[in-house]
Amino acid sequence: MKISEALSIIKTEKAFRKTPIGRTLTEYAIEAIDAALEDTKNYDVEATKCLNCGFLGSSLLFPRGCPNCNSKDISSEVKY
């Protein structure tokens, strides 16, 4: 799934300050969401999902793990 296809999920994460599975977002994760939403040139980048907390965001923002919980258990196979 591309970021452009996941925009509604990402915007919902920000609005509710929760991941799709209900975990609370950290301030760093909210900043990562803002960066992903502002970077319209990278909307064709793959979305990445944290398998621990459920955070969904741009794969460019997961270089060292999840921006929300720091888990290294991530997947680019995002299906909703």
N, C-alpha and C. Protein backbone atom coordinates (compact mmCIF):
# COMPACT_ATOMS: atom_id res chain seq x y z
N MET A 1 0.85 -1.16 0.00
CA MET A 1 0.00 0.00 0.00
C MET A 1 0.90 1.24 0.00
N LYS A 2 0.58 2.18 -0.82
CA LYS A 2 1.30 3.44 -0.91
C LYS A 2 0.74 4.44 0.11
N ILE A 3 1.55 5.45 0.43
CA ILE A 3 1.10 6.50 1.35
C ILE A 3 -0.17 7.16 0.82
N SER A 4 -0.23 7.39 -0.49
CA SER A 4 -1.41 8.03 -1.07
C SER A 4 -2.68 7.22 -0.82
N GLU A 5 -2.56 5.91 -0.73
CA GLU A 5 -3.70 5.04 -0.47
C GLU A 5 -4.04 4.97 1.03
N ALA A 6 -3.09 5.33 1.87
CA ALA A 6 -3.27 5.23 3.32
C ALA A 6 -3.52 6.58 3.99
N LEU A 7 -3.71 7.63 3.21
CA LEU A 7 -3.87 8.97 3.78
C LEU A 7 -5.00 9.05 4.79
N SER A 8 -6.12 8.42 4.51
CA SER A 8 -7.25 8.51 5.45
C SER A 8 -6.91 7.85 6.78
N ILE A 9 -6.17 6.76 6.75
CA ILE A 9 -5.77 6.08 7.99
C ILE A 9 -4.77 6.94 8.76
N ILE A 10 -3.81 7.52 8.05
CA ILE A 10 -2.80 8.35 8.69
C ILE A 10 -3.43 9.59 9.30
N LYS A 11 -4.36 10.21 8.59
CA LYS A 11 -5.05 11.39 9.13
C LYS A 11 -5.89 11.02 10.35
N THR A 12 -6.48 9.85 10.34
CA THR A 12 -7.27 9.39 11.49
C THR A 12 -6.36 9.15 12.69
N GLU A 13 -5.18 8.56 12.45
CA GLU A 13 -4.21 8.37 13.54
C GLU A 13 -3.92 9.71 14.20
N LYS A 14 -3.67 10.72 13.39
CA LYS A 14 -3.34 12.04 13.94
C LYS A 14 -4.52 12.63 14.70
N ALA A 15 -5.71 12.55 14.13
CA ALA A 15 -6.89 13.15 14.75
C ALA A 15 -7.19 12.54 16.12
N PHE A 16 -7.10 11.22 16.21
CA PHE A 16 -7.41 10.54 17.47
C PHE A 16 -6.19 10.33 18.36
N ARG A 17 -4.99 10.60 17.81
CA ARG A 17 -3.73 10.39 18.53
C ARG A 17 -3.60 8.95 19.01
N LYS A 18 -4.04 8.05 18.15
CA LYS A 18 -3.97 6.61 18.44
C LYS A 18 -3.62 5.87 17.15
N THR A 19 -3.01 4.71 17.31
CA THR A 19 -2.74 3.85 16.16
C THR A 19 -4.05 3.16 15.77
N PRO A 20 -4.10 2.54 14.59
CA PRO A 20 -5.32 1.83 14.21
C PRO A 20 -5.75 0.72 15.17
N ILE A 21 -4.82 0.24 16.01
CA ILE A 21 -5.21 -0.78 16.98
C ILE A 21 -5.43 -0.19 18.37
N GLY A 22 -5.39 1.14 18.48
CA GLY A 22 -5.76 1.80 19.73
C GLY A 22 -4.64 2.22 20.65
N ARG A 23 -3.39 2.02 20.27
CA ARG A 23 -2.27 2.44 21.11
C ARG A 23 -2.08 3.95 21.00
N THR A 24 -1.76 4.60 22.08
CA THR A 24 -1.53 6.04 22.11
C THR A 24 -0.27 6.40 21.34
N LEU A 25 -0.33 7.50 20.60
CA LEU A 25 0.83 7.97 19.84
C LEU A 25 1.70 8.88 20.70
N THR A 26 3.01 8.76 20.49
CA THR A 26 3.96 9.67 21.14
C THR A 26 4.03 10.95 20.33
N GLU A 27 4.61 11.98 20.92
CA GLU A 27 4.80 13.25 20.18
C GLU A 27 5.68 13.03 18.97
N TYR A 28 6.68 12.18 19.10
CA TYR A 28 7.57 11.90 17.96
C TYR A 28 6.79 11.25 16.81
N ALA A 29 5.87 10.36 17.12
CA ALA A 29 5.04 9.72 16.09
C ALA A 29 4.14 10.74 15.41
N ILE A 30 3.60 11.67 16.17
CA ILE A 30 2.75 12.72 15.59
C ILE A 30 3.58 13.60 14.66
N GLU A 31 4.81 13.90 15.05
CA GLU A 31 5.70 14.66 14.17
C GLU A 31 6.00 13.89 12.90
N ALA A 32 6.15 12.57 13.01
CA ALA A 32 6.39 11.73 11.83
C ALA A 32 5.17 11.74 10.91
N ILE A 33 3.98 11.73 11.48
CA ILE A 33 2.76 11.82 10.68
C ILE A 33 2.70 13.16 9.96
N ASP A 34 3.00 14.23 10.67
CA ASP A 34 3.00 15.55 10.05
C ASP A 34 3.99 15.60 8.88
N ALA A 35 5.16 15.03 9.07
CA ALA A 35 6.17 15.00 8.02
C ALA A 35 5.68 14.22 6.81
N ALA A 36 5.03 13.09 7.05
CA ALA A 36 4.52 12.26 5.95
C ALA A 36 3.41 12.99 5.20
N LEU A 37 2.54 13.68 5.91
CA LEU A 37 1.44 14.39 5.26
C LEU A 37 1.92 15.61 4.48
N GLU A 38 2.94 16.28 4.97
CA GLU A 38 3.46 17.46 4.29
C GLU A 38 4.30 17.11 3.07
N ASP A 39 4.89 15.92 3.05
CA ASP A 39 5.80 15.52 1.98
C ASP A 39 5.03 14.89 0.81
N THR A 40 4.29 15.71 0.09
CA THR A 40 3.43 15.20 -0.99
C THR A 40 4.23 14.57 -2.13
N LYS A 41 5.50 14.89 -2.26
CA LYS A 41 6.33 14.31 -3.33
C LYS A 41 6.60 12.83 -3.08
N ASN A 42 6.43 12.39 -1.85
CA ASN A 42 6.70 10.98 -1.52
C ASN A 42 5.43 10.18 -1.25
N TYR A 43 4.31 10.62 -1.77
CA TYR A 43 3.07 9.88 -1.58
C TYR A 43 3.09 8.53 -2.29
N ASP A 44 4.05 8.31 -3.21
CA ASP A 44 4.17 7.02 -3.88
C ASP A 44 5.08 6.05 -3.15
N VAL A 45 5.58 6.46 -2.00
CA VAL A 45 6.43 5.60 -1.17
C VAL A 45 5.53 4.59 -0.45
N GLU A 46 6.08 3.43 -0.20
CA GLU A 46 5.33 2.39 0.50
C GLU A 46 5.03 2.79 1.94
N ALA A 47 3.85 2.44 2.40
CA ALA A 47 3.49 2.61 3.81
C ALA A 47 4.09 1.44 4.58
N THR A 48 4.43 1.70 5.82
CA THR A 48 5.00 0.67 6.69
C THR A 48 4.18 0.62 7.97
N LYS A 49 4.01 -0.58 8.48
CA LYS A 49 3.22 -0.78 9.69
C LYS A 49 4.07 -1.44 10.76
N CYS A 50 3.97 -0.93 11.97
CA CYS A 50 4.64 -1.55 13.11
C CYS A 50 3.78 -2.72 13.58
N LEU A 51 4.38 -3.89 13.68
CA LEU A 51 3.64 -5.07 14.11
C LEU A 51 3.44 -5.10 15.62
N ASN A 52 4.12 -4.22 16.35
CA ASN A 52 3.96 -4.16 17.80
C ASN A 52 2.81 -3.24 18.19
N CYS A 53 2.88 -1.95 17.78
CA CYS A 53 1.87 -0.98 18.23
C CYS A 53 0.84 -0.65 17.15
N GLY A 54 1.09 -1.05 15.91
CA GLY A 54 0.13 -0.80 14.84
C GLY A 54 0.30 0.52 14.12
N PHE A 55 1.33 1.31 14.47
CA PHE A 55 1.55 2.60 13.83
C PHE A 55 1.73 2.42 12.33
N LEU A 56 1.06 3.26 11.56
CA LEU A 56 1.16 3.23 10.10
C LEU A 56 1.74 4.54 9.64
N GLY A 57 2.78 4.48 8.82
CA GLY A 57 3.42 5.68 8.32
C GLY A 57 4.28 5.41 7.11
N SER A 58 4.98 6.43 6.67
CA SER A 58 5.86 6.32 5.52
C SER A 58 7.07 5.45 5.85
N SER A 59 7.44 4.60 4.91
CA SER A 59 8.61 3.75 5.14
C SER A 59 9.88 4.58 5.29
N LEU A 60 9.89 5.80 4.78
CA LEU A 60 11.05 6.68 4.93
C LEU A 60 11.25 7.10 6.38
N LEU A 61 10.22 6.99 7.20
CA LEU A 61 10.30 7.42 8.60
C LEU A 61 10.55 6.26 9.57
N PHE A 62 10.84 5.07 9.03
CA PHE A 62 11.11 3.90 9.86
C PHE A 62 12.56 3.41 9.70
N PRO A 63 13.56 4.30 9.59
CA PRO A 63 14.92 3.82 9.32
C PRO A 63 15.53 2.99 10.45
N ARG A 64 15.14 3.27 11.68
CA ARG A 64 15.70 2.55 12.83
C ARG A 64 14.62 1.90 13.66
N GLY A 65 13.45 1.71 13.06
CA GLY A 65 12.35 1.11 13.79
C GLY A 65 11.15 2.04 13.85
N CYS A 66 10.18 1.66 14.61
CA CYS A 66 8.93 2.40 14.71
C CYS A 66 9.14 3.74 15.41
N PRO A 67 8.63 4.84 14.80
CA PRO A 67 8.75 6.14 15.45
C PRO A 67 7.87 6.27 16.70
N ASN A 68 6.95 5.35 16.89
CA ASN A 68 6.06 5.42 18.05
C ASN A 68 6.57 4.59 19.23
N CYS A 69 6.95 3.34 18.98
CA CYS A 69 7.35 2.47 20.10
C CYS A 69 8.78 1.95 19.99
N ASN A 70 9.49 2.31 18.93
CA ASN A 70 10.88 1.91 18.68
C ASN A 70 11.06 0.43 18.37
N SER A 71 9.98 -0.28 18.15
CA SER A 71 10.08 -1.70 17.80
C SER A 71 10.75 -1.86 16.43
N LYS A 72 11.51 -2.91 16.29
CA LYS A 72 12.13 -3.23 15.00
C LYS A 72 11.26 -4.19 14.20
N ASP A 73 10.15 -4.60 14.77
CA ASP A 73 9.23 -5.56 14.17
C ASP A 73 8.22 -4.81 13.28
N ILE A 74 8.65 -4.55 12.02
CA ILE A 74 7.82 -3.77 11.11
C ILE A 74 7.58 -4.54 9.82
N SER A 75 6.55 -4.12 9.10
CA SER A 75 6.19 -4.80 7.86
C SER A 75 5.76 -3.79 6.82
N SER A 76 6.14 -4.05 5.56
CA SER A 76 5.69 -3.20 4.47
C SER A 76 4.48 -3.81 3.79
N GLU A 77 4.01 -4.94 4.29
CA GLU A 77 2.80 -5.56 3.75
C GLU A 77 1.59 -5.05 4.51
N VAL A 78 1.13 -3.88 4.12
CA VAL A 78 0.04 -3.22 4.80
C VAL A 78 -1.26 -3.50 4.05
N LYS A 79 -2.24 -4.03 4.76
CA LYS A 79 -3.54 -4.34 4.17
C LYS A 79 -4.62 -3.88 5.11
N TYR A 80 -5.51 -3.03 4.62
CA TYR A 80 -6.67 -2.58 5.40
C TYR A 80 -7.89 -2.66 4.56
